[in-house]
């Protein structure tokens, strides 16, 4: 199997198990506001699911000076090549992402430190697929992806030993 075939198989397994990332959003304009002893803070590097971004902005807008309110809005982000997997800063929802070279190396190091054991978890399948997407010609990534396919649960169509 080549990298694209492995990536597709892992993505199908993850999706069939309910792992569906949501599009990432950010809030234009930096703010830091204290409210009831909590700090409400955001800058354009913070990413959220749409619901959390909308809720945070709705909470903050009335607290901003009136002349600054139009400077803040929720906007979709592009799938930039990231150093790490992405999750909503508030609720932790898995955000869609693409990895860069550093991110692939970081993920490989993570899995070297915490090797896969037993049946492959759908969340790991999704993250490994992102590694294959970013580095389809990297031999270590391809070898890792092939081993991940072998760890798919039998019910997910894992290849059987002959």
Protein backbone atom coordinates (compact mmCIF):
# COMPACT_ATOMS: atom_id res chain seq x y z
CA UNK A 1 0.00 0.00 0.00
CA UNK A 2 1.22 3.48 -0.76
CA UNK A 3 0.90 6.48 1.60
CA UNK A 4 -2.31 7.76 0.00
CA UNK A 5 -4.03 4.36 0.29
CA UNK A 6 -3.01 4.03 3.93
CA UNK A 7 -4.10 7.60 4.68
CA UNK A 8 -7.50 6.95 3.08
CA UNK A 9 -8.01 3.67 4.99
CA UNK A 10 -7.09 5.31 8.30
CA UNK A 11 -9.37 8.30 7.62
CA UNK A 12 -12.29 5.98 6.78
CA UNK A 13 -11.74 4.02 10.00
CA UNK A 14 -11.57 7.22 12.06
CA UNK A 15 -14.67 8.70 10.42
CA UNK A 16 -16.66 5.48 10.76
CA UNK A 17 -15.82 5.58 14.49
CA UNK A 18 -17.08 9.16 14.84
CA UNK A 19 -13.80 11.07 14.58
CA UNK A 20 -14.79 14.02 12.43
CA UNK A 21 -12.75 17.19 12.86
CA UNK A 22 -14.52 20.52 12.67
CA UNK A 23 -13.28 23.55 10.75
CA UNK A 24 -11.05 25.88 12.77
CA UNK A 25 -12.01 29.50 13.47
CA UNK A 26 -10.28 32.42 15.11
CA UNK A 27 -11.36 35.81 16.38
CA UNK A 28 -9.97 38.87 14.59
CA UNK A 29 -8.38 41.29 17.01
CA UNK A 30 -6.60 40.59 20.26
CA UNK A 31 -8.32 41.13 23.60
CA UNK A 32 -7.78 40.41 27.29
CA UNK A 33 -10.67 41.16 29.62
CA UNK A 34 -11.24 40.26 33.25
CA UNK A 35 -14.79 39.08 33.98
CA UNK A 36 -15.87 37.66 37.34
CA UNK A 37 -12.29 36.78 38.23
CA UNK A 38 -11.66 35.03 34.91
CA UNK A 39 -9.45 36.27 32.14
CA UNK A 40 -11.07 36.21 28.71
CA UNK A 41 -8.15 36.31 26.31
CA UNK A 42 -7.71 35.68 22.61
CA UNK A 43 -5.34 36.50 19.82
CA UNK A 44 -5.29 35.40 16.21
CA UNK A 45 -3.17 32.34 17.04
CA UNK A 46 -5.98 30.90 19.18
CA UNK A 47 -8.27 28.55 17.31
CA UNK A 48 -11.76 27.45 18.21
CA UNK A 49 -14.72 25.49 16.92
CA UNK A 50 -17.36 27.83 15.49
CA UNK A 51 -19.72 27.53 18.47
CA UNK A 52 -17.03 28.42 21.02
CA UNK A 53 -15.66 31.30 18.92
CA UNK A 54 -19.15 32.77 18.53
CA UNK A 55 -19.94 32.34 22.23
CA UNK A 56 -16.65 33.90 23.37
CA UNK A 57 -17.02 36.87 21.05
CA UNK A 58 -20.65 37.39 22.14
CA UNK A 59 -19.48 37.47 25.77
CA UNK A 60 -16.61 39.86 25.09
CA UNK A 61 -18.08 42.36 22.61
CA UNK A 62 -20.28 44.19 25.16
CA UNK A 63 -17.20 44.62 27.39
CA UNK A 64 -15.05 46.22 24.70
CA UNK A 65 -15.00 49.96 24.10
CA UNK A 66 -17.67 50.75 21.53
CA UNK A 67 -15.15 52.06 19.02
CA UNK A 68 -13.25 48.72 19.07
CA UNK A 69 -16.19 46.32 18.61
CA UNK A 70 -16.14 46.37 14.81
CA UNK A 71 -12.48 45.30 14.90
CA UNK A 72 -13.44 41.87 16.28
CA UNK A 73 -15.19 39.11 14.34
CA UNK A 74 -15.09 35.34 13.91
CA UNK A 75 -13.36 34.09 10.78
CA UNK A 76 -12.50 30.69 9.35
CA UNK A 77 -8.81 29.87 9.21
CA UNK A 78 -6.96 28.25 6.38
CA UNK A 79 -5.51 24.81 6.98
CA UNK A 80 -2.00 26.06 7.56
CA UNK A 81 0.72 23.52 8.02
CA UNK A 82 0.94 23.24 11.79
CA UNK A 83 3.52 22.07 14.31
CA UNK A 84 0.92 20.12 16.29
CA UNK A 85 -2.58 18.68 16.05
CA UNK A 86 -5.28 21.27 16.74
CA UNK A 87 -8.09 21.35 19.27
CA UNK A 88 -10.58 24.06 20.22
CA UNK A 89 -9.08 26.30 22.91
CA UNK A 90 -12.33 26.13 24.89
CA UNK A 91 -14.11 22.80 24.46
CA UNK A 92 -11.24 20.69 23.13
CA UNK A 93 -13.06 19.60 19.95
CA UNK A 94 -10.75 18.19 17.32
CA UNK A 95 -10.10 20.82 14.65
CA UNK A 96 -9.13 19.98 11.10
CA UNK A 97 -5.43 20.57 10.50
CA UNK A 98 -2.49 19.83 8.24
CA UNK A 99 1.01 19.19 9.56
CA UNK A 100 4.29 20.73 8.51
CA UNK A 101 7.63 18.89 8.51
CA UNK A 102 8.28 19.80 12.15
CA UNK A 103 4.78 18.62 13.10
CA UNK A 104 5.36 15.25 11.42
CA UNK A 105 8.64 14.83 13.31
CA UNK A 106 6.93 15.79 16.57
CA UNK A 107 4.17 13.25 16.01
CA UNK A 108 6.67 10.52 15.12
CA UNK A 109 8.57 11.28 18.33
CA UNK A 110 5.30 11.15 20.29
CA UNK A 111 4.51 7.69 18.94
CA UNK A 112 8.06 6.52 19.59
CA UNK A 113 7.68 7.58 23.22
CA UNK A 114 4.14 6.16 23.44
CA UNK A 115 3.97 3.23 21.02
CA UNK A 116 0.67 1.95 19.75
CA UNK A 117 -0.49 -1.15 21.60
CA UNK A 118 -3.44 -3.39 20.84
CA UNK A 119 -6.13 -2.27 18.44
CA UNK A 120 -5.63 1.10 16.79
CA UNK A 121 -7.72 3.89 18.35
CA UNK A 122 -9.74 5.93 15.82
CA UNK A 123 -8.19 9.18 17.07
CA UNK A 124 -4.70 7.83 16.46
CA UNK A 125 -5.81 6.73 12.98
CA UNK A 126 -6.82 10.32 12.18
CA UNK A 127 -3.53 11.78 13.44
CA UNK A 128 -1.42 9.18 11.60
CA UNK A 129 -3.36 9.93 8.42
CA UNK A 130 -2.37 13.61 8.79
CA UNK A 131 1.28 12.51 9.05
CA UNK A 132 0.95 10.50 5.83
CA UNK A 133 -0.80 13.40 4.14
CA UNK A 134 2.07 15.74 5.05
CA UNK A 135 4.98 13.38 4.39
CA UNK A 136 3.91 10.65 1.94
CA UNK A 137 7.50 10.00 0.81
CA UNK A 138 9.05 9.81 4.29
CA UNK A 139 10.07 6.18 4.82
CA UNK A 140 9.65 6.31 8.60
CA UNK A 141 6.14 7.75 8.26
CA UNK A 142 5.21 5.18 5.62
CA UNK A 143 6.54 2.32 7.75
CA UNK A 144 4.62 3.67 10.75
CA UNK A 145 1.44 3.97 8.66
CA UNK A 146 1.77 0.39 7.43
CA UNK A 147 2.18 -0.81 11.01
CA UNK A 148 -0.87 1.23 12.04
CA UNK A 149 -2.96 -0.49 9.34
CA UNK A 150 -1.94 -3.84 10.84
CA UNK A 151 -3.30 -2.62 14.20
CA UNK A 152 -6.80 -1.90 12.89
CA UNK A 153 -9.41 -3.95 14.73
CA UNK A 154 -10.52 -7.01 12.76
CA UNK A 155 -14.03 -5.54 12.60
CA UNK A 156 -12.56 -2.51 10.79
CA UNK A 157 -11.16 -4.61 7.99
CA UNK A 158 -7.61 -4.99 9.24
CA UNK A 159 -5.43 -7.21 7.09
CA UNK A 160 -5.35 -10.73 8.46
CA UNK A 161 -2.15 -12.66 9.00
CA UNK A 162 -1.96 -15.57 6.58
